[in-house]
């Protein structure tokens, strides 16, 4: 279940960012981060930046010990439902072209690839895929 971020979640969310080698946007103005909690344990998070009537998905992360069990799908679907309740109609994100697991997750949740950004990422250099979800 996604939950609004509380001070009690912050240390665990920081641990997950470090474990997953992700940049934290928790303290970025306009960014909302939610904890993904299973049986009172924070096993993941999702962060998005509100831009007018759309949201940019900045990060989604699930603890490595809980990956491959459908938790990323549950987290993203719950977040999409939350955004729909707030009348957000469009979500977009960018993902490394080699990140097949993330691309599969986004596609399963209704995202469509909109364009390729050549050499968008560094270390290593790689194309980025821009993906978009529009409420049906």
N, C-alpha and C. Protein backbone atom coordinates (compact mmCIF):
# COMPACT_ATOMS: atom_id res chain seq x y z
N UNK A 1 0.85 -1.18 0.00
CA UNK A 1 0.00 0.00 0.00
C UNK A 1 0.90 1.25 0.00
N UNK A 2 0.60 2.21 -0.89
CA UNK A 2 1.37 3.45 -0.84
C UNK A 2 0.83 4.31 0.29
N UNK A 3 1.76 5.01 0.95
CA UNK A 3 1.42 5.91 2.04
C UNK A 3 2.17 7.21 1.85
N UNK A 4 1.51 8.31 2.22
CA UNK A 4 2.19 9.60 2.18
C UNK A 4 3.45 9.51 3.04
N UNK A 5 4.50 10.12 2.57
CA UNK A 5 5.78 10.07 3.26
C UNK A 5 5.69 10.77 4.62
N UNK A 6 6.18 10.10 5.65
CA UNK A 6 6.24 10.69 6.99
C UNK A 6 7.69 10.75 7.43
N UNK A 7 7.99 11.53 8.48
CA UNK A 7 9.37 11.57 8.98
C UNK A 7 9.90 10.18 9.37
N UNK A 8 9.00 9.29 9.81
CA UNK A 8 9.43 7.94 10.19
C UNK A 8 9.90 7.13 8.99
N UNK A 9 9.47 7.49 7.79
CA UNK A 9 9.86 6.76 6.58
C UNK A 9 11.21 7.22 6.02
N UNK A 10 11.65 8.41 6.38
CA UNK A 10 12.78 9.04 5.68
C UNK A 10 14.06 8.23 5.70
N UNK A 11 14.46 7.70 6.84
CA UNK A 11 15.71 6.93 6.89
C UNK A 11 15.65 5.72 5.97
N UNK A 12 14.53 5.01 5.98
CA UNK A 12 14.40 3.83 5.14
C UNK A 12 14.38 4.21 3.66
N UNK A 13 13.72 5.30 3.32
CA UNK A 13 13.69 5.77 1.93
C UNK A 13 15.10 6.14 1.49
N UNK A 14 15.87 6.80 2.36
CA UNK A 14 17.27 7.13 2.05
C UNK A 14 18.08 5.86 1.82
N UNK A 15 17.88 4.84 2.67
CA UNK A 15 18.58 3.55 2.49
C UNK A 15 18.26 2.94 1.13
N UNK A 16 17.01 2.99 0.75
CA UNK A 16 16.61 2.41 -0.54
C UNK A 16 17.23 3.16 -1.71
N UNK A 17 17.27 4.48 -1.64
CA UNK A 17 17.92 5.26 -2.71
C UNK A 17 19.38 4.81 -2.84
N UNK A 18 20.06 4.67 -1.70
CA UNK A 18 21.47 4.26 -1.72
C UNK A 18 21.61 2.83 -2.27
N UNK A 19 20.78 1.92 -1.77
CA UNK A 19 20.83 0.52 -2.21
C UNK A 19 20.61 0.39 -3.71
N UNK A 20 19.69 1.16 -4.25
CA UNK A 20 19.31 1.05 -5.65
C UNK A 20 20.08 2.00 -6.57
N UNK A 21 21.00 2.79 -5.98
CA UNK A 21 21.82 3.73 -6.74
C UNK A 21 20.97 4.75 -7.49
N UNK A 22 19.96 5.28 -6.79
CA UNK A 22 19.06 6.26 -7.38
C UNK A 22 19.27 7.63 -6.74
N UNK A 23 19.09 8.66 -7.53
CA UNK A 23 19.13 10.02 -7.01
C UNK A 23 17.85 10.29 -6.24
N UNK A 24 17.98 10.88 -5.08
CA UNK A 24 16.80 11.20 -4.27
C UNK A 24 16.23 12.55 -4.68
N UNK A 25 14.91 12.58 -4.82
CA UNK A 25 14.21 13.83 -5.11
C UNK A 25 13.28 14.20 -3.95
N UNK A 26 13.45 13.53 -2.81
CA UNK A 26 12.54 13.69 -1.67
C UNK A 26 12.41 15.15 -1.26
N UNK A 27 13.50 15.90 -1.30
CA UNK A 27 13.47 17.28 -0.84
C UNK A 27 13.38 18.30 -1.98
N UNK A 28 13.04 17.83 -3.17
CA UNK A 28 12.88 18.70 -4.32
C UNK A 28 11.51 19.37 -4.27
N UNK A 29 11.50 20.68 -4.45
CA UNK A 29 10.24 21.42 -4.41
C UNK A 29 9.28 20.88 -5.47
N UNK A 30 8.05 20.62 -5.06
CA UNK A 30 7.03 20.13 -5.96
C UNK A 30 7.00 18.61 -6.09
N UNK A 31 7.99 17.94 -5.53
CA UNK A 31 8.06 16.48 -5.61
C UNK A 31 7.27 15.86 -4.47
N UNK A 32 6.48 14.86 -4.79
CA UNK A 32 5.78 14.06 -3.78
C UNK A 32 6.36 12.67 -3.81
N UNK A 33 6.73 12.18 -2.64
CA UNK A 33 7.24 10.81 -2.53
C UNK A 33 6.31 10.04 -1.62
N UNK A 34 6.03 8.81 -2.01
CA UNK A 34 5.19 7.91 -1.23
C UNK A 34 6.00 6.68 -0.86
N UNK A 35 5.80 6.21 0.35
CA UNK A 35 6.40 4.95 0.78
C UNK A 35 5.49 3.82 0.33
N UNK A 36 6.08 2.71 -0.08
CA UNK A 36 5.32 1.50 -0.39
C UNK A 36 5.55 0.54 0.77
N UNK A 37 4.48 0.25 1.49
CA UNK A 37 4.57 -0.48 2.76
C UNK A 37 3.82 -1.81 2.66
N UNK A 38 4.49 -2.88 3.05
CA UNK A 38 3.89 -4.21 3.14
C UNK A 38 4.12 -4.71 4.58
N UNK A 39 3.05 -5.07 5.26
CA UNK A 39 3.13 -5.58 6.63
C UNK A 39 4.00 -4.69 7.52
N UNK A 40 3.73 -3.40 7.50
CA UNK A 40 4.42 -2.39 8.32
C UNK A 40 5.90 -2.21 7.98
N UNK A 41 6.35 -2.74 6.85
CA UNK A 41 7.74 -2.57 6.43
C UNK A 41 7.77 -1.76 5.14
N UNK A 42 8.58 -0.71 5.12
CA UNK A 42 8.78 0.07 3.90
C UNK A 42 9.70 -0.72 2.99
N UNK A 43 9.14 -1.20 1.87
CA UNK A 43 9.96 -1.97 0.94
C UNK A 43 10.18 -1.24 -0.37
N UNK A 44 9.60 -0.05 -0.51
CA UNK A 44 9.78 0.69 -1.73
C UNK A 44 9.26 2.10 -1.63
N UNK A 45 9.33 2.80 -2.75
CA UNK A 45 8.87 4.19 -2.81
C UNK A 45 8.60 4.56 -4.25
N UNK A 46 7.89 5.66 -4.41
CA UNK A 46 7.66 6.24 -5.73
C UNK A 46 7.63 7.75 -5.57
N UNK A 47 8.27 8.45 -6.50
CA UNK A 47 8.36 9.91 -6.45
C UNK A 47 7.92 10.52 -7.77
N UNK A 48 7.17 11.61 -7.68
CA UNK A 48 6.73 12.30 -8.87
C UNK A 48 6.74 13.80 -8.67
N UNK A 49 6.90 14.52 -9.76
CA UNK A 49 6.95 15.97 -9.76
C UNK A 49 5.72 16.50 -10.49
N UNK A 50 4.88 17.22 -9.78
CA UNK A 50 3.66 17.79 -10.35
C UNK A 50 4.02 18.97 -11.24
N UNK A 51 3.54 18.92 -12.48
CA UNK A 51 3.76 19.99 -13.46
C UNK A 51 2.41 20.29 -14.09
N UNK A 52 1.77 21.36 -13.65
CA UNK A 52 0.43 21.74 -14.10
C UNK A 52 -0.54 20.59 -13.84
N UNK A 53 -1.11 20.01 -14.92
CA UNK A 53 -2.07 18.92 -14.73
C UNK A 53 -1.47 17.57 -15.11
N UNK A 54 -0.14 17.49 -15.06
CA UNK A 54 0.54 16.23 -15.34
C UNK A 54 1.61 15.99 -14.26
N UNK A 55 2.17 14.80 -14.29
CA UNK A 55 3.21 14.43 -13.31
C UNK A 55 4.34 13.74 -14.04
N UNK A 56 5.56 14.09 -13.66
CA UNK A 56 6.73 13.37 -14.14
C UNK A 56 7.10 12.34 -13.08
N UNK A 57 7.12 11.08 -13.45
CA UNK A 57 7.58 10.01 -12.58
C UNK A 57 9.09 10.12 -12.51
N UNK A 58 9.61 10.43 -11.33
CA UNK A 58 11.04 10.61 -11.17
C UNK A 58 11.75 9.31 -10.79
N UNK A 59 11.16 8.57 -9.86
CA UNK A 59 11.77 7.33 -9.37
C UNK A 59 10.72 6.38 -8.86
N UNK A 60 10.96 5.12 -9.06
CA UNK A 60 10.24 4.07 -8.38
C UNK A 60 11.30 3.04 -7.99
N UNK A 61 11.25 2.61 -6.76
CA UNK A 61 12.26 1.65 -6.31
C UNK A 61 11.68 0.66 -5.32
N UNK A 62 12.08 -0.59 -5.48
CA UNK A 62 11.68 -1.67 -4.58
C UNK A 62 12.96 -2.32 -4.06
N UNK A 63 13.00 -2.56 -2.75
CA UNK A 63 14.14 -3.22 -2.12
C UNK A 63 14.53 -4.46 -2.93
N UNK A 64 15.84 -4.67 -3.12
CA UNK A 64 16.31 -5.79 -3.95
C UNK A 64 15.81 -7.14 -3.43
N UNK A 65 15.60 -7.26 -2.13
CA UNK A 65 15.11 -8.52 -1.56
C UNK A 65 13.64 -8.77 -1.84
N UNK A 66 12.94 -7.78 -2.38
CA UNK A 66 11.51 -7.90 -2.66
C UNK A 66 11.18 -7.74 -4.15
N UNK A 67 12.22 -7.62 -4.98
CA UNK A 67 11.99 -7.44 -6.41
C UNK A 67 11.53 -8.75 -7.03
N UNK A 68 10.84 -8.63 -8.15
CA UNK A 68 10.38 -9.80 -8.89
C UNK A 68 9.14 -10.46 -8.30
N UNK A 69 8.47 -9.76 -7.37
CA UNK A 69 7.28 -10.32 -6.72
C UNK A 69 6.02 -9.51 -7.02
N UNK A 70 6.12 -8.59 -7.98
CA UNK A 70 4.96 -7.80 -8.37
C UNK A 70 4.73 -6.54 -7.55
N UNK A 71 5.65 -6.23 -6.65
CA UNK A 71 5.46 -5.05 -5.80
C UNK A 71 5.62 -3.74 -6.58
N UNK A 72 6.51 -3.71 -7.54
CA UNK A 72 6.65 -2.52 -8.37
C UNK A 72 5.37 -2.23 -9.13
N UNK A 73 4.75 -3.26 -9.66
CA UNK A 73 3.48 -3.13 -10.38
C UNK A 73 2.41 -2.60 -9.43
N UNK A 74 2.30 -3.18 -8.24
CA UNK A 74 1.30 -2.74 -7.27
C UNK A 74 1.52 -1.27 -6.88
N UNK A 75 2.77 -0.93 -6.62
CA UNK A 75 3.11 0.44 -6.23
C UNK A 75 2.71 1.42 -7.32
N UNK A 76 3.09 1.13 -8.56
CA UNK A 76 2.79 2.04 -9.67
C UNK A 76 1.29 2.14 -9.92
N UNK A 77 0.58 1.02 -9.89
CA UNK A 77 -0.87 1.05 -10.11
C UNK A 77 -1.59 1.84 -9.02
N UNK A 78 -1.18 1.69 -7.77
CA UNK A 78 -1.79 2.45 -6.68
C UNK A 78 -1.51 3.94 -6.84
N UNK A 79 -0.32 4.27 -7.28
CA UNK A 79 0.04 5.68 -7.48
C UNK A 79 -0.78 6.28 -8.62
N UNK A 80 -0.94 5.52 -9.71
CA UNK A 80 -1.76 6.00 -10.83
C UNK A 80 -3.20 6.24 -10.36
N UNK A 81 -3.75 5.34 -9.56
CA UNK A 81 -5.11 5.52 -9.03
C UNK A 81 -5.19 6.77 -8.16
N UNK A 82 -4.18 7.00 -7.34
CA UNK A 82 -4.13 8.20 -6.50
C UNK A 82 -4.13 9.46 -7.39
N UNK A 83 -3.33 9.44 -8.44
CA UNK A 83 -3.26 10.60 -9.34
C UNK A 83 -4.57 10.83 -10.07
N UNK A 84 -5.23 9.76 -10.48
CA UNK A 84 -6.54 9.89 -11.14
C UNK A 84 -7.53 10.56 -10.21
N UNK A 85 -7.50 10.21 -8.92
CA UNK A 85 -8.39 10.84 -7.94
C UNK A 85 -8.11 12.34 -7.82
N UNK A 86 -6.91 12.76 -8.17
CA UNK A 86 -6.54 14.18 -8.13
C UNK A 86 -6.71 14.84 -9.50
N UNK A 87 -7.35 14.14 -10.44
CA UNK A 87 -7.61 14.63 -11.79
C UNK A 87 -6.34 14.87 -12.61
N UNK A 88 -5.30 14.11 -12.30
CA UNK A 88 -4.10 14.14 -13.13
C UNK A 88 -4.34 13.17 -14.28
N UNK A 89 -4.18 13.64 -15.49
CA UNK A 89 -4.52 12.84 -16.67
C UNK A 89 -3.29 12.27 -17.38
N UNK A 90 -2.13 12.87 -17.17
CA UNK A 90 -0.94 12.47 -17.91
C UNK A 90 0.24 12.27 -16.96
N UNK A 91 0.95 11.17 -17.18
CA UNK A 91 2.18 10.88 -16.44
C UNK A 91 3.25 10.59 -17.49
N UNK A 92 4.42 11.13 -17.29
CA UNK A 92 5.49 10.82 -18.22
C UNK A 92 6.76 10.49 -17.45
N UNK A 93 7.67 9.80 -18.13
CA UNK A 93 8.94 9.43 -17.50
C UNK A 93 9.97 9.17 -18.59
N UNK A 94 11.21 9.04 -18.16
CA UNK A 94 12.29 8.64 -19.04
C UNK A 94 12.99 7.46 -18.39
N UNK A 95 13.46 6.56 -19.24
CA UNK A 95 14.08 5.33 -18.75
C UNK A 95 15.21 4.95 -19.70
N UNK A 96 16.26 4.39 -19.13
CA UNK A 96 17.35 3.89 -19.97
C UNK A 96 16.83 2.82 -20.91
N UNK A 97 17.28 2.84 -22.14
CA UNK A 97 16.84 1.87 -23.14
C UNK A 97 17.18 0.44 -22.72
N UNK A 98 18.22 0.26 -21.91
CA UNK A 98 18.61 -1.08 -21.48
C UNK A 98 17.83 -1.58 -20.26
N UNK A 99 17.03 -0.73 -19.65
CA UNK A 99 16.31 -1.12 -18.43
C UNK A 99 15.01 -1.83 -18.80
N UNK A 100 15.18 -3.06 -19.25
CA UNK A 100 14.05 -3.84 -19.77
C UNK A 100 12.98 -4.09 -18.70
N UNK A 101 13.38 -4.29 -17.45
CA UNK A 101 12.40 -4.54 -16.39
C UNK A 101 11.50 -3.32 -16.19
N UNK A 102 12.09 -2.12 -16.17
CA UNK A 102 11.30 -0.91 -16.00
C UNK A 102 10.40 -0.66 -17.20
N UNK A 103 10.92 -0.88 -18.39
CA UNK A 103 10.12 -0.69 -19.60
C UNK A 103 8.92 -1.64 -19.59
N UNK A 104 9.15 -2.90 -19.20
CA UNK A 104 8.07 -3.87 -19.11
C UNK A 104 7.03 -3.43 -18.07
N UNK A 105 7.50 -2.97 -16.91
CA UNK A 105 6.59 -2.49 -15.86
C UNK A 105 5.73 -1.34 -16.37
N UNK A 106 6.36 -0.34 -16.96
CA UNK A 106 5.61 0.82 -17.44
C UNK A 106 4.61 0.42 -18.52
N UNK A 107 5.03 -0.46 -19.41
CA UNK A 107 4.13 -0.92 -20.48
C UNK A 107 2.94 -1.67 -19.90
N UNK A 108 3.19 -2.55 -18.93
CA UNK A 108 2.10 -3.30 -18.29
C UNK A 108 1.10 -2.37 -17.60
N UNK A 109 1.56 -1.21 -17.17
CA UNK A 109 0.69 -0.26 -16.47
C UNK A 109 0.06 0.76 -17.42
N UNK A 110 0.29 0.62 -18.72
CA UNK A 110 -0.39 1.47 -19.69
C UNK A 110 0.43 2.59 -20.29
N UNK A 111 1.73 2.65 -19.99
CA UNK A 111 2.59 3.67 -20.59
C UNK A 111 2.92 3.26 -22.02
N UNK A 112 3.12 4.27 -22.86
CA UNK A 112 3.51 4.05 -24.24
C UNK A 112 4.79 4.85 -24.51
N UNK A 113 5.68 4.26 -25.31
CA UNK A 113 6.89 4.98 -25.68
C UNK A 113 6.53 6.09 -26.65
N UNK A 114 7.03 7.31 -26.39
CA UNK A 114 6.70 8.43 -27.26
C UNK A 114 7.88 8.87 -28.12
N UNK A 115 9.10 8.67 -27.62
CA UNK A 115 10.26 9.02 -28.44
C UNK A 115 11.53 8.46 -27.81
N UNK A 116 12.58 8.49 -28.63
CA UNK A 116 13.91 8.08 -28.17
C UNK A 116 14.76 9.34 -28.05
N UNK A 117 15.45 9.47 -26.96
CA UNK A 117 16.40 10.57 -26.77
C UNK A 117 17.80 9.97 -26.89
N UNK A 118 18.41 10.20 -28.03
CA UNK A 118 19.71 9.60 -28.32
C UNK A 118 20.79 10.15 -27.40
N UNK A 119 21.59 9.23 -26.86
CA UNK A 119 22.70 9.58 -25.95
C UNK A 119 22.27 10.46 -24.79
N UNK A 120 21.08 10.21 -24.27
CA UNK A 120 20.52 11.02 -23.18
C UNK A 120 21.26 10.77 -21.86
N UNK A 121 21.62 9.53 -21.61
CA UNK A 121 22.27 9.17 -20.35
C UNK A 121 23.78 9.07 -20.53
N UNK A 122 24.48 9.28 -19.41
CA UNK A 122 25.93 9.12 -19.38
C UNK A 122 26.30 8.05 -18.37
N UNK A 123 27.50 7.55 -18.50
CA UNK A 123 28.07 6.58 -17.54
C UNK A 123 27.24 5.34 -17.38
N UNK A 124 27.03 4.53 -18.35
CA UNK A 124 27.53 4.65 -19.72
C UNK A 124 26.59 5.47 -20.59
N UNK A 125 27.12 5.92 -21.73
CA UNK A 125 26.29 6.64 -22.69
C UNK A 125 25.22 5.69 -23.21
N UNK A 126 24.01 6.20 -23.22
CA UNK A 126 22.89 5.34 -23.61
C UNK A 126 21.69 6.20 -23.98
N UNK A 127 20.87 5.64 -24.87
CA UNK A 127 19.63 6.32 -25.24
C UNK A 127 18.65 6.27 -24.08
N UNK A 128 17.81 7.28 -24.03
CA UNK A 128 16.71 7.30 -23.08
C UNK A 128 15.40 7.17 -23.83
N UNK A 129 14.48 6.43 -23.25
CA UNK A 129 13.15 6.31 -23.85
C UNK A 129 12.20 7.19 -23.06
N UNK A 130 11.49 8.05 -23.75
CA UNK A 130 10.45 8.84 -23.12
C UNK A 130 9.16 8.05 -23.21
N UNK A 131 8.49 7.89 -22.07
CA UNK A 131 7.25 7.13 -22.03
C UNK A 131 6.17 7.99 -21.41
N UNK A 132 4.92 7.68 -21.77
CA UNK A 132 3.81 8.53 -21.35
C UNK A 132 2.57 7.67 -21.06
N UNK A 133 1.88 8.05 -20.01
CA UNK A 133 0.60 7.43 -19.65
C UNK A 133 -0.47 8.50 -19.76
N UNK A 134 -1.52 8.22 -20.52
CA UNK A 134 -2.67 9.10 -20.62
C UNK A 134 -3.89 8.36 -20.12
N UNK A 135 -4.64 8.99 -19.24
CA UNK A 135 -5.84 8.35 -18.71
C UNK A 135 -6.76 8.00 -19.87
N UNK A 136 -7.21 6.74 -19.89
CA UNK A 136 -8.10 6.32 -21.00
C UNK A 136 -9.43 7.04 -20.96
